[in-house]
PDB file of N, CA and C in Angstrom:
ATOM      1  N   MET A   1      81.854  83.316  98.788  1.00  0.00           N
ATOM      2  CA  MET A   1      82.731  82.202  99.081  1.00  0.00           C
ATOM      3  C   MET A   1      84.148  82.569  98.678  1.00  0.00           C
ATOM      4  N   GLY A   2      85.083  82.115  99.444  1.00  0.00           N
ATOM      5  CA  GLY A   2      86.464  82.472  99.196  1.00  0.00           C
ATOM      6  C   GLY A   2      87.236  81.420  98.431  1.00  0.00           C
ATOM      7  N   LEU A   3      88.489  81.711  98.251  1.00  0.00           N
ATOM      8  CA  LEU A   3      89.397  80.856  97.500  1.00  0.00           C
ATOM      9  C   LEU A   3      89.483  79.462  98.101  1.00  0.00           C
ATOM     10  N   LEU A   4      89.431  79.343  99.410  1.00  0.00           N
ATOM     11  CA  LEU A   4      89.547  78.029 100.037  1.00  0.00           C
ATOM     12  C   LEU A   4      88.358  77.123  99.731  1.00  0.00           C
ATOM     13  N   TRP A   5      87.217  77.714  99.443  1.00  0.00           N
ATOM     14  CA  TRP A   5      86.024  76.919  99.152  1.00  0.00           C
ATOM     15  C   TRP A   5      85.849  76.683  97.662  1.00  0.00           C
ATOM     16  N   HIS A   6      86.315  77.595  96.836  1.00  0.00           N
ATOM     17  CA  HIS A   6      86.183  77.488  95.385  1.00  0.00           C
ATOM     18  C   HIS A   6      87.574  77.600  94.770  1.00  0.00           C
ATOM     19  N   LEU A   7      88.257  76.468  94.685  1.00  0.00           N
ATOM     20  CA  LEU A   7      89.642  76.487  94.228  1.00  0.00           C
ATOM     21  C   LEU A   7      89.791  76.989  92.789  1.00  0.00           C
ATOM     22  N   TYR A   8      88.739  76.888  91.981  1.00  0.00           N
ATOM     23  CA  TYR A   8      88.819  77.384  90.610  1.00  0.00           C
ATOM     24  C   TYR A   8      88.834  78.910  90.550  1.00  0.00           C
ATOM     25  N   SER A   9      88.572  79.574  91.667  1.00  0.00           N
ATOM     26  CA  SER A   9      88.559  81.036  91.659  1.00  0.00           C
ATOM     27  C   SER A   9      89.960  81.604  91.489  1.00  0.00           C
ATOM     28  N   PHE A  10      90.987  80.826  91.791  1.00  0.00           N
ATOM     29  CA  PHE A  10      92.384  81.227  91.624  1.00  0.00           C
ATOM     30  C   PHE A  10      92.790  80.931  90.182  1.00  0.00           C
ATOM     31  N   SER A  11      93.295  81.954  89.464  1.00  0.00           N
ATOM     32  CA  SER A  11      93.706  81.765  88.070  1.00  0.00           C
ATOM     33  C   SER A  11      95.195  82.046  87.929  1.00  0.00           C
ATOM     34  N   PHE A  12      95.866  81.204  87.179  1.00  0.00           N
ATOM     35  CA  PHE A  12      97.312  81.328  86.987  1.00  0.00           C
ATOM     36  C   PHE A  12      97.619  80.931  85.552  1.00  0.00           C
ATOM     37  N   LEU A  13      98.355  81.780  84.826  1.00  0.00           N
ATOM     38  CA  LEU A  13      98.661  81.514  83.420  1.00  0.00           C
ATOM     39  C   LEU A  13     100.138  81.755  83.163  1.00  0.00           C
ATOM     40  N   SER A  14     100.784  80.776  82.534  1.00  0.00           N
ATOM     41  CA  SER A  14     102.172  80.935  82.104  1.00  0.00           C
ATOM     42  C   SER A  14     102.167  81.680  80.773  1.00  0.00           C
ATOM     43  N   MET A  15     102.877  82.810  80.717  1.00  0.00           N
ATOM     44  CA  MET A  15     102.915  83.621  79.501  1.00  0.00           C
ATOM     45  C   MET A  15     104.119  83.254  78.621  1.00  0.00           C
ATOM     46  N   SER A  16     105.261  83.116  79.241  1.00  0.00           N
ATOM     47  CA  SER A  16     106.490  82.729  78.554  1.00  0.00           C
ATOM     48  C   SER A  16     107.434  82.210  79.624  1.00  0.00           C
ATOM     49  N   SER A  17     108.629  81.871  79.243  1.00  0.00           N
ATOM     50  CA  SER A  17     109.581  81.327  80.204  1.00  0.00           C
ATOM     51  C   SER A  17     109.804  82.297  81.372  1.00  0.00           C
ATOM     52  N   GLY A  18     109.340  81.902  82.543  1.00  0.00           N
ATOM     53  CA  GLY A  18     109.543  82.709  83.736  1.00  0.00           C
ATOM     54  C   GLY A  18     108.577  83.864  83.921  1.00  0.00           C
ATOM     55  N   GLU A  19     107.594  84.020  83.029  1.00  0.00           N
ATOM     56  CA  GLU A  19     106.613  85.111  83.128  1.00  0.00           C
ATOM     57  C   GLU A  19     105.216  84.514  83.322  1.00  0.00           C
ATOM     58  N   TYR A  20     104.509  85.003  84.345  1.00  0.00           N
ATOM     59  CA  TYR A  20     103.206  84.452  84.692  1.00  0.00           C
ATOM     60  C   TYR A  20     102.219  85.570  85.005  1.00  0.00           C
ATOM     61  N   ARG A  21     100.931  85.214  84.954  1.00  0.00           N
ATOM     62  CA  ARG A  21      99.860  86.116  85.375  1.00  0.00           C
ATOM     63  C   ARG A  21      98.988  85.368  86.377  1.00  0.00           C
ATOM     64  N   MET A  22      98.513  86.112  87.394  1.00  0.00           N
ATOM     65  CA  MET A  22      97.681  85.514  88.425  1.00  0.00           C
ATOM     66  C   MET A  22      96.512  86.452  88.726  1.00  0.00           C
ATOM     67  N   ALA A  23      95.338  85.877  88.953  1.00  0.00           N
ATOM     68  CA  ALA A  23      94.148  86.662  89.301  1.00  0.00           C
ATOM     69  C   ALA A  23      93.468  86.033  90.515  1.00  0.00           C
ATOM     70  N   LEU A  24      93.110  86.897  91.478  1.00  0.00           N
ATOM     71  CA  LEU A  24      92.444  86.452  92.703  1.00  0.00           C
ATOM     72  C   LEU A  24      91.228  87.320  92.993  1.00  0.00           C
ATOM     73  N   PRO A  25      90.051  86.720  93.196  1.00  0.00           N
ATOM     74  CA  PRO A  25      88.899  87.512  93.636  1.00  0.00           C
ATOM     75  C   PRO A  25      89.045  87.814  95.119  1.00  0.00           C
ATOM     76  N   ILE A  26      88.916  89.101  95.471  1.00  0.00           N
ATOM     77  CA  ILE A  26      89.141  89.522  96.851  1.00  0.00           C
ATOM     78  C   ILE A  26      88.053  90.498  97.287  1.00  0.00           C
ATOM     79  N   GLU A  27      87.565  90.307  98.502  1.00  0.00           N
ATOM     80  CA  GLU A  27      86.635  91.249  99.132  1.00  0.00           C
ATOM     81  C   GLU A  27      87.474  92.114 100.070  1.00  0.00           C
ATOM     82  N   VAL A  28      87.529  93.411  99.826  1.00  0.00           N
ATOM     83  CA  VAL A  28      88.395  94.318 100.576  1.00  0.00           C
ATOM     84  C   VAL A  28      87.567  95.072 101.624  1.00  0.00           C
ATOM     85  N   HIS A  29      88.125  95.148 102.830  1.00  0.00           N
ATOM     86  CA  HIS A  29      87.477  95.849 103.931  1.00  0.00           C
ATOM     87  C   HIS A  29      88.357  97.018 104.375  1.00  0.00           C
ATOM     88  N   ASP A  30      87.737  98.052 104.965  1.00  0.00           N
ATOM     89  CA  ASP A  30      88.457  99.251 105.401  1.00  0.00           C
ATOM     90  C   ASP A  30      89.303  98.973 106.639  1.00  0.00           C
ATOM     91  N   GLY A  31      90.487  99.579 106.701  1.00  0.00           N
ATOM     92  CA  GLY A  31      91.294  99.536 107.916  1.00  0.00           C
ATOM     93  C   GLY A  31      92.169  98.316 108.039  1.00  0.00           C
ATOM     94  N   THR A  32      92.728  98.166 109.226  1.00  0.00           N
ATOM     95  CA  THR A  32      93.615  97.052 109.546  1.00  0.00           C
ATOM     96  C   THR A  32      93.035  96.287 110.714  1.00  0.00           C
ATOM     97  N   GLN A  33      92.847  95.003 110.526  1.00  0.00           N
ATOM     98  CA  GLN A  33      92.291  94.169 111.580  1.00  0.00           C
ATOM     99  C   GLN A  33      93.375  93.891 112.621  1.00  0.00           C
ATOM    100  N   THR A  34      93.087  94.194 113.884  1.00  0.00           N
ATOM    101  CA  THR A  34      94.068  94.005 114.958  1.00  0.00           C
ATOM    102  C   THR A  34      93.772  92.772 115.808  1.00  0.00           C
ATOM    103  N   SER A  35      92.593  92.176 115.634  1.00  0.00           N
ATOM    104  CA  SER A  35      92.261  90.930 116.329  1.00  0.00           C
ATOM    105  C   SER A  35      91.294  90.133 115.461  1.00  0.00           C
ATOM    106  N   ALA A  36      91.264  88.829 115.675  1.00  0.00           N
ATOM    107  CA  ALA A  36      90.424  87.953 114.851  1.00  0.00           C
ATOM    108  C   ALA A  36      88.937  88.277 114.975  1.00  0.00           C
ATOM    109  N   SER A  37      88.525  88.830 116.094  1.00  0.00           N
ATOM    110  CA  SER A  37      87.101  89.119 116.305  1.00  0.00           C
ATOM    111  C   SER A  37      86.694  90.528 115.854  1.00  0.00           C
ATOM    112  N   GLN A  38      87.631  91.320 115.398  1.00  0.00           N
ATOM    113  CA  GLN A  38      87.327  92.697 114.987  1.00  0.00           C
ATOM    114  C   GLN A  38      86.653  92.706 113.612  1.00  0.00           C
ATOM    115  N   TRP A  39      85.540  93.451 113.508  1.00  0.00           N
ATOM    116  CA  TRP A  39      84.816  93.583 112.246  1.00  0.00           C
ATOM    117  C   TRP A  39      85.240  94.870 111.554  1.00  0.00           C
ATOM    118  N   LEU A  40      85.521  94.787 110.268  1.00  0.00           N
ATOM    119  CA  LEU A  40      85.863  95.965 109.470  1.00  0.00           C
ATOM    120  C   LEU A  40      84.821  96.143 108.377  1.00  0.00           C
ATOM    121  N   ASP A  41      84.431  97.383 108.097  1.00  0.00           N
ATOM    122  CA  ASP A  41      83.438  97.661 107.068  1.00  0.00           C
ATOM    123  C   ASP A  41      83.950  97.271 105.684  1.00  0.00           C
ATOM    124  N   TRP A  42      83.051  96.718 104.896  1.00  0.00           N
ATOM    125  CA  TRP A  42      83.349  96.334 103.516  1.00  0.00           C
ATOM    126  C   TRP A  42      83.590  97.582 102.678  1.00  0.00           C
ATOM    127  N   SER A  43      84.541  97.509 101.757  1.00  0.00           N
ATOM    128  CA  SER A  43      84.862  98.628 100.875  1.00  0.00           C
ATOM    129  C   SER A  43      84.516  98.308  99.421  1.00  0.00           C
ATOM    130  N   TYR A  44      85.033  97.174  98.902  1.00  0.00           N
ATOM    131  CA  TYR A  44      84.712  96.778  97.524  1.00  0.00           C
ATOM    132  C   TYR A  44      85.047  95.306  97.306  1.00  0.00           C
ATOM    133  N   THR A  45      84.514  94.758  96.228  1.00  0.00           N
ATOM    134  CA  THR A  45      84.789  93.381  95.810  1.00  0.00           C
ATOM    135  C   THR A  45      85.352  93.462  94.399  1.00  0.00           C
ATOM    136  N   ALA A  46      86.485  92.774  94.166  1.00  0.00           N
ATOM    137  CA  ALA A  46      87.160  92.913  92.875  1.00  0.00           C
ATOM    138  C   ALA A  46      88.032  91.709  92.565  1.00  0.00           C
ATOM    139  N   LEU A  47      88.445  91.635  91.315  1.00  0.00           N
ATOM    140  CA  LEU A  47      89.441  90.671  90.867  1.00  0.00           C
ATOM    141  C   LEU A  47      90.771  91.410  90.819  1.00  0.00           C
ATOM    142  N   HIS A  48      91.731  90.961  91.634  1.00  0.00           N
ATOM    143  CA  HIS A  48      93.052  91.598  91.681  1.00  0.00           C
ATOM    144  C   HIS A  48      94.002  90.841  90.759  1.00  0.00           C
ATOM    145  N   LEU A  49      94.731  91.585  89.940  1.00  0.00           N
ATOM    146  CA  LEU A  49      95.616  91.017  88.923  1.00  0.00           C
ATOM    147  C   LEU A  49      97.075  91.219  89.310  1.00  0.00           C
ATOM    148  N   PHE A  50      97.894  90.202  89.072  1.00  0.00           N
ATOM    149  CA  PHE A  50      99.309  90.270  89.404  1.00  0.00           C
ATOM    150  C   PHE A  50     100.158  89.713  88.261  1.00  0.00           C
ATOM    151  N   ASP A  51     101.270  90.390  87.974  1.00  0.00           N
ATOM    152  CA  ASP A  51     102.286  89.885  87.051  1.00  0.00           C
ATOM    153  C   ASP A  51     103.392  89.284  87.897  1.00  0.00           C
ATOM    154  N   ILE A  52     103.877  88.113  87.497  1.00  0.00           N
ATOM    155  CA  ILE A  52     104.932  87.426  88.242  1.00  0.00           C
ATOM    156  C   ILE A  52     106.078  87.136  87.284  1.00  0.00           C
ATOM    157  N   SER A  53     107.270  87.499  87.698  1.00  0.00           N
ATOM    158  CA  SER A  53     108.468  87.258  86.908  1.00  0.00           C
ATOM    159  C   SER A  53     109.434  86.422  87.739  1.00  0.00           C
ATOM    160  N   VAL A  54     109.822  85.262  87.193  1.00  0.00           N
ATOM    161  CA  VAL A  54     110.749  84.375  87.894  1.00  0.00           C
ATOM    162  C   VAL A  54     111.953  84.136  86.968  1.00  0.00           C
ATOM    163  N   PRO A  55     112.995  84.945  87.119  1.00  0.00           N
ATOM    164  CA  PRO A  55     114.185  84.770  86.278  1.00  0.00           C
ATOM    165  C   PRO A  55     114.965  83.523  86.694  1.00  0.00           C
ATOM    166  N   SER A  56     116.022  83.216  85.970  1.00  0.00           N
ATOM    167  CA  SER A  56     116.818  82.024  86.281  1.00  0.00           C
ATOM    168  C   SER A  56     117.368  82.075  87.708  1.00  0.00           C
ATOM    169  N   ASN A  57     117.666  83.260  88.204  1.00  0.00           N
ATOM    170  CA  ASN A  57     118.059  83.427  89.602  1.00  0.00           C
ATOM    171  C   ASN A  57     116.774  83.672  90.399  1.00  0.00           C
ATOM    172  N   VAL A  58     116.229  82.619  90.964  1.00  0.00           N
ATOM    173  CA  VAL A  58     114.913  82.668  91.618  1.00  0.00           C
ATOM    174  C   VAL A  58     114.854  83.721  92.722  1.00  0.00           C
ATOM    175  N   SER A  59     115.966  84.043  93.340  1.00  0.00           N
ATOM    176  CA  SER A  59     115.949  85.045  94.407  1.00  0.00           C
ATOM    177  C   SER A  59     115.612  86.438  93.876  1.00  0.00           C
ATOM    178  N   ASP A  60     115.634  86.618  92.551  1.00  0.00           N
ATOM    179  CA  ASP A  60     115.257  87.891  91.934  1.00  0.00           C
ATOM    180  C   ASP A  60     113.794  87.904  91.471  1.00  0.00           C
ATOM    181  N   ALA A  61     113.013  86.902  91.881  1.00  0.00           N
ATOM    182  CA  ALA A  61     111.602  86.818  91.484  1.00  0.00           C
ATOM    183  C   ALA A  61     110.849  88.058  91.947  1.00  0.00           C
ATOM    184  N   LEU A  62     109.863  88.459  91.154  1.00  0.00           N
ATOM    185  CA  LEU A  62     109.115  89.682  91.430  1.00  0.00           C
ATOM    186  C   LEU A  62     107.635  89.468  91.140  1.00  0.00           C
ATOM    187  N   MET A  63     106.791  89.913  92.062  1.00  0.00           N
ATOM    188  CA  MET A  63     105.348  89.923  91.830  1.00  0.00           C
ATOM    189  C   MET A  63     104.898  91.366  91.900  1.00  0.00           C
ATOM    190  N   SER A  64     104.216  91.845  90.857  1.00  0.00           N
ATOM    191  CA  SER A  64     103.773  93.232  90.837  1.00  0.00           C
ATOM    192  C   SER A  64     102.275  93.313  90.582  1.00  0.00           C
ATOM    193  N   ASP A  65     101.666  94.342  91.139  1.00  0.00           N
ATOM    194  CA  ASP A  65     100.238  94.613  90.983  1.00  0.00           C
ATOM    195  C   ASP A  65      99.981  95.040  89.540  1.00  0.00           C
ATOM    196  N   ALA A  66      99.095  94.317  88.853  1.00  0.00           N
ATOM    197  CA  ALA A  66      98.767  94.656  87.466  1.00  0.00           C
ATOM    198  C   ALA A  66      97.434  95.390  87.352  1.00  0.00           C
ATOM    199  N   GLY A  67      96.718  95.521  88.466  1.00  0.00           N
ATOM    200  CA  GLY A  67      95.455  96.255  88.435  1.00  0.00           C
ATOM    201  C   GLY A  67      94.328  95.519  89.121  1.00  0.00           C
ATOM    202  N   VAL A  68      93.150  96.121  89.043  1.00  0.00           N
ATOM    203  CA  VAL A  68      91.967  95.620  89.748  1.00  0.00           C
ATOM    204  C   VAL A  68      90.755  95.777  88.838  1.00  0.00           C
ATOM    205  N   ILE A  69      89.908  94.768  88.811  1.00  0.00           N
ATOM    206  CA  ILE A  69      88.612  94.842  88.124  1.00  0.00           C
ATOM    207  C   ILE A  69      87.549  94.823  89.216  1.00  0.00           C
ATOM    208  N   VAL A  70      86.894  95.941  89.434  1.00  0.00           N
ATOM    209  CA  VAL A  70      85.922  96.077  90.519  1.00  0.00           C
ATOM    210  C   VAL A  70      84.544  95.619  90.059  1.00  0.00           C
ATOM    211  N   ALA A  71      83.935  94.724  90.853  1.00  0.00           N
ATOM    212  CA  ALA A  71      82.572  94.273  90.567  1.00  0.00           C
ATOM    213  C   ALA A  71      81.557  95.145  91.277  1.00  0.00           C
ATOM    214  N   GLU A  72      81.823  95.479  92.528  1.00  0.00           N
ATOM    215  CA  GLU A  72      80.914  96.344  93.283  1.00  0.00           C
ATOM    216  C   GLU A  72      81.692  97.039  94.384  1.00  0.00           C
ATOM    217  N   ARG A  73      81.216  98.226  94.749  1.00  0.00           N
ATOM    218  CA  ARG A  73      81.865  98.987  95.816  1.00  0.00           C
ATOM    219  C   ARG A  73      80.805  99.619  96.708  1.00  0.00           C
ATOM    220  N   LYS A  74      81.243  99.932  97.914  1.00  0.00           N
ATOM    221  CA  LYS A  74      80.362 100.534  98.911  1.00  0.00           C
ATOM    222  C   LYS A  74      79.934 101.930  98.471  1.00  0.00           C
ATOM    223  N   SER A  75      78.674 102.260  98.763  1.00  0.00           N
ATOM    224  CA  SER A  75      78.148 103.604  98.516  1.00  0.00           C
ATOM    225  C   SER A  75      77.113 103.897  99.594  1.00  0.00           C
ATOM    226  N   ASP A  76      76.527 105.087  99.554  1.00  0.00           N
ATOM    227  CA  ASP A  76      75.502 105.437 100.540  1.00  0.00           C
ATOM    228  C   ASP A  76      74.307 104.490 100.472  1.00  0.00           C
ATOM    229  N   LEU A  77      74.004 103.987  99.270  1.00  0.00           N
ATOM    230  CA  LEU A  77      72.863 103.092  99.098  1.00  0.00           C
ATOM    231  C   LEU A  77      73.247 101.618  99.095  1.00  0.00           C
ATOM    232  N   HIS A  78      74.532 101.337  99.041  1.00  0.00           N
ATOM    233  CA  HIS A  78      75.026  99.959  98.926  1.00  0.00           C
ATOM    234  C   HIS A  78      76.096  99.740  99.994  1.00  0.00           C
ATOM    235  N   LYS A  79      75.660  99.392 101.214  1.00  0.00           N
ATOM    236  CA  LYS A  79      76.563  99.322 102.365  1.00  0.00           C
ATOM    237  C   LYS A  79      77.232  97.957 102.546  1.00  0.00           C
ATOM    238  N   TRP A  80      76.643  96.892 101.966  1.00  0.00           N
ATOM    239  CA  TRP A  80      77.138  95.535 102.163  1.00  0.00           C
ATOM    240  C   TRP A  80      77.335  94.852 100.812  1.00  0.00           C
ATOM    241  N   PRO A  81      78.290  93.939 100.730  1.00  0.00           N
ATOM    242  CA  PRO A  81      78.479  93.228  99.462  1.00  0.00           C
ATOM    243  C   PRO A  81      77.321  92.278  99.198  1.00  0.00           C
ATOM    244  N   ASN A  82      77.041  92.049  97.937  1.00  0.00           N
ATOM    245  CA  ASN A  82      76.065  91.040  97.569  1.00  0.00           C
ATOM    246  C   ASN A  82      76.664  89.664  97.839  1.00  0.00           C
ATOM    247  N   TYR A  83      75.818  88.716  98.214  1.00  0.00           N
ATOM    248  CA  TYR A  83      76.306  87.346  98.336  1.00  0.00           C
ATOM    249  C   TYR A  83      76.380  86.768  96.936  1.00  0.00           C
ATOM    250  N   VAL A  84      77.559  86.390  96.527  1.00  0.00           N
ATOM    251  CA  VAL A  84      77.770  85.829  95.194  1.00  0.00           C
ATOM    252  C   VAL A  84      78.496  84.504  95.365  1.00  0.00           C
ATOM    253  N   ASP A  85      77.890  83.420  94.903  1.00  0.00           N
ATOM    254  CA  ASP A  85      78.467  82.095  95.080  1.00  0.00           C
ATOM    255  C   ASP A  85      79.675  81.862  94.166  1.00  0.00           C
ATOM    256  N   THR A  86      79.649  82.413  92.959  1.00  0.00           N
ATOM    257  CA  THR A  86      80.721  82.162  91.996  1.00  0.00           C
ATOM    258  C   THR A  86      81.509  83.432  91.722  1.00  0.00           C
ATOM    259  N   GLN A  87      82.800  83.366  91.982  1.00  0.00           N
ATOM    260  CA  GLN A  87      83.717  84.445  91.621  1.00  0.00           C
ATOM    261  C   GLN A  87      84.979  83.789  91.091  1.00  0.00           C
ATOM    262  N   ARG A  88      85.361  84.155  89.881  1.00  0.00           N
ATOM    263  CA  ARG A  88      86.621  83.634  89.359  1.00  0.00           C
ATOM    264  C   ARG A  88      87.107  84.481  88.213  1.00  0.00           C
ATOM    265  N   GLY A  89      88.405  84.428  88.014  1.00  0.00           N
ATOM    266  CA  GLY A  89      89.018  85.114  86.892  1.00  0.00           C
ATOM    267  C   GLY A  89      89.370  84.116  85.812  1.00  0.00           C
ATOM    268  N   ILE A  90      89.254  84.546  84.580  1.00  0.00           N
ATOM    269  CA  ILE A  90      89.672  83.736  83.437  1.00  0.00           C
ATOM    270  C   ILE A  90      90.649  84.585  82.647  1.00  0.00           C
ATOM    271  N   ILE A  91      91.871  84.102  82.519  1.00  0.00           N
ATOM    272  CA  ILE A  91      92.914  84.835  81.796  1.00  0.00           C
ATOM    273  C   ILE A  91      93.146  84.138  80.468  1.00  0.00           C
ATOM    274  N   ASP A  92      93.055  84.902  79.378  1.00  0.00           N
ATOM    275  CA  ASP A  92      93.285  84.373  78.037  1.00  0.00           C
ATOM    276  C   ASP A  92      94.197  85.345  77.298  1.00  0.00           C
ATOM    277  N   GLY A  93      95.500  85.197  77.495  1.00  0.00           N
ATOM    278  CA  GLY A  93      96.455  86.133  76.911  1.00  0.00           C
ATOM    279  C   GLY A  93      96.282  87.501  77.538  1.00  0.00           C
ATOM    280  N   ASP A  94      95.961  88.516  76.714  1.00  0.00           N
ATOM    281  CA  ASP A  94      95.732  89.869  77.226  1.00  0.00           C
ATOM    282  C   ASP A  94      94.284  90.122  77.631  1.00  0.00           C
ATOM    283  N   ALA A  95      93.414  89.155  77.398  1.00  0.00           N
ATOM    284  CA  ALA A  95      92.007  89.293  77.807  1.00  0.00           C
ATOM    285  C   ALA A  95      91.848  88.682  79.198  1.00  0.00           C
ATOM    286  N   VAL A  96      91.110  89.394  80.044  1.00  0.00           N
ATOM    287  CA  VAL A  96      90.794  88.853  81.370  1.00  0.00           C
ATOM    288  C   VAL A  96      89.308  89.058  81.619  1.00  0.00           C
ATOM    289  N   HIS A  97      88.678  88.017  82.152  1.00  0.00           N
ATOM    290  CA  HIS A  97      87.242  88.031  82.407  1.00  0.00           C
ATOM    291  C   HIS A  97      87.015  87.721  83.882  1.00  0.00           C
ATOM    292  N   TYR A  98      86.158  88.496  84.508  1.00  0.00           N
ATOM    293  CA  TYR A  98      85.810  88.315  85.918  1.00  0.00           C
ATOM    294  C   TYR A  98      84.382  87.805  85.978  1.00  0.00           C
ATOM    295  N   VAL A  99      84.225  86.533  86.321  1.00  0.00           N
ATOM    296  CA  VAL A  99      82.901  85.950  86.489  1.00  0.00           C
ATOM    297  C   VAL A  99      82.471  86.256  87.916  1.00  0.00           C
ATOM    298  N   TYR A 100      81.386  87.013  88.027  1.00  0.00           N
ATOM    299  CA  TYR A 100      80.882  87.457  89.321  1.00  0.00           C
ATOM    300  C   TYR A 100      79.398  87.117  89.378  1.00  0.00           C
ATOM    301  N   GLY A 101      79.096  85.976  90.005  1.00  0.00           N
ATOM    302  CA  GLY A 101      77.713  85.504  90.009  1.00  0.00           C
ATOM    303  C   GLY A 101      77.299  85.137  88.602  1.00  0.00           C
ATOM    304  N   THR A 102      76.228  85.762  88.121  1.00  0.00           N
ATOM    305  CA  THR A 102      75.743  85.488  86.762  1.00  0.00           C
ATOM    306  C   THR A 102      76.248  86.520  85.755  1.00  0.00           C
ATOM    307  N   SER A 103      77.135  87.412  86.187  1.00  0.00           N
ATOM    308  CA  SER A 103      77.671  88.462  85.308  1.00  0.00           C
ATOM    309  C   SER A 103      79.127  88.178  84.953  1.00  0.00           C
ATOM    310  N   VAL A 104      79.556  88.733  83.824  1.00  0.00           N
ATOM    311  CA  VAL A 104      80.952  88.646  83.405  1.00  0.00           C
ATOM    312  C   VAL A 104      81.424  90.052  83.062  1.00  0.00           C
ATOM    313  N   ILE A 105      82.524  90.466  83.689  1.00  0.00           N
ATOM    314  CA  ILE A 105      83.139  91.759  83.401  1.00  0.00           C
ATOM    315  C   ILE A 105      84.438  91.455  82.652  1.00  0.00           C
ATOM    316  N   SER A 106      84.590  92.006  81.460  1.00  0.00           N
ATOM    317  CA  SER A 106      85.746  91.713  80.617  1.00  0.00           C
ATOM    318  C   SER A 106      86.553  92.968  80.337  1.00  0.00           C
ATOM    319  N   THR A 107      87.874  92.799  80.210  1.00  0.00           N
ATOM    320  CA  THR A 107      88.747  93.919  79.901  1.00  0.00           C
ATOM    321  C   THR A 107      90.077  93.399  79.371  1.00  0.00           C
ATOM    322  N   ASP A 108      90.939  94.324  79.009  1.00  0.00           N
ATOM    323  CA  ASP A 108      92.296  94.008  78.580  1.00  0.00           C
ATOM    324  C   ASP A 108      93.188  93.974  79.814  1.00  0.00           C
ATOM    325  N   TRP A 109      94.035  92.968  79.930  1.00  0.00           N
ATOM    326  CA  TRP A 109      94.927  92.837  81.087  1.00  0.00           C
ATOM    327  C   TRP A 109      95.750  94.100  81.307  1.00  0.00           C
ATOM    328  N   ASN A 110      96.195  94.718  80.225  1.00  0.00           N
ATOM    329  CA  ASN A 110      97.065  95.892  80.317  1.00  0.00           C
ATOM    330  C   ASN A 110      96.321  97.162  80.718  1.00  0.00           C
ATOM    331  N   TYR A 111      94.989  97.154  80.635  1.00  0.00           N
ATOM    332  CA  TYR A 111      94.161  98.329  80.977  1.00  0.00           C
ATOM    333  C   TYR A 111      92.957  97.882  81.804  1.00  0.00           C
ATOM    334  N   PRO A 112      93.185  97.310  83.002  1.00  0.00           N
ATOM    335  CA  PRO A 112      92.064  96.739  83.761  1.00  0.00           C
ATOM    336  C   PRO A 112      91.037  97.757  84.228  1.00  0.00           C
ATOM    337  N   GLY A 113      91.396  99.029  84.284  1.00  0.00           N
ATOM    338  CA  GLY A 113      90.431 100.059  84.670  1.00  0.00           C
ATOM    339  C   GLY A 113      89.385 100.313  83.606  1.00  0.00           C
ATOM    340  N   ASN A 114      89.639  99.850  82.391  1.00  0.00           N
ATOM    341  CA  ASN A 114      88.699 100.035  81.276  1.00  0.00           C
ATOM    342  C   ASN A 114      87.773  98.841  81.164  1.00  0.00           C
ATOM    343  N   THR A 115      86.989  98.578  82.219  1.00  0.00           N
ATOM    344  CA  THR A 115      86.092  97.445  82.206  1.00  0.00           C
ATOM    345  C   THR A 115      84.863  97.733  81.374  1.00  0.00           C
ATOM    346  N   SER A 116      84.234  96.655  80.917  1.00  0.00           N
ATOM    347  CA  SER A 116      83.025  96.814  80.116  1.00  0.00           C
ATOM    348  C   SER A 116      81.828  97.182  80.986  1.00  0.00           C
ATOM    349  N   ALA A 117      81.937  96.952  82.312  1.00  0.00           N
ATOM    350  CA  ALA A 117      80.828  97.313  83.218  1.00  0.00           C
ATOM    351  C   ALA A 117      81.295  97.210  84.651  1.00  0.00           C
ATOM    352  N   GLU A 118      80.668  97.969  85.518  1.00  0.00           N
ATOM    353  CA  GLU A 118      80.822  97.761  86.953  1.00  0.00           C
ATOM    354  C   GLU A 118      79.431  97.510  87.480  1.00  0.00           C
ATOM    355  N   LEU A 119      79.268  96.418  88.179  1.00  0.00           N
ATOM    356  CA  LEU A 119      77.952  96.018  88.646  1.00  0.00           C
ATOM    357  C   LEU A 119      77.497  96.892  89.808  1.00  0.00           C
ATOM    358  N   GLN A 120      76.221  97.009  89.991  1.00  0.00           N
ATOM    359  CA  GLN A 120      75.668  97.779  91.114  1.00  0.00           C
ATOM    360  C   GLN A 120      75.039  96.849  92.118  1.00  0.00           C
TER     361      GLN A 120
END
């Protein structure tokens, strides 16, 4: 289920004046879709992290990629994503948790590649 169906899956945290963190669960597919009916192969499912900076001059606002927490990825034995009803990020300061079905993957926001587990 996507963000439109599970609004709690979108996470947003104010860190300080004008500094924010955002997390979105995303299912990524290979290639570029050129029409609405085109099917693209699944690549991985992950929680994507973003840092947002909004200075007093709003036109200088910046959103940058802070990393990815991967729950599952395509392999020779795993060609399709698992159906998972619950996906959401929980941001608590520098701790970020990815709830993926009945599992939780936790890591430090500053080092998202150092996850405690990647699900199979």
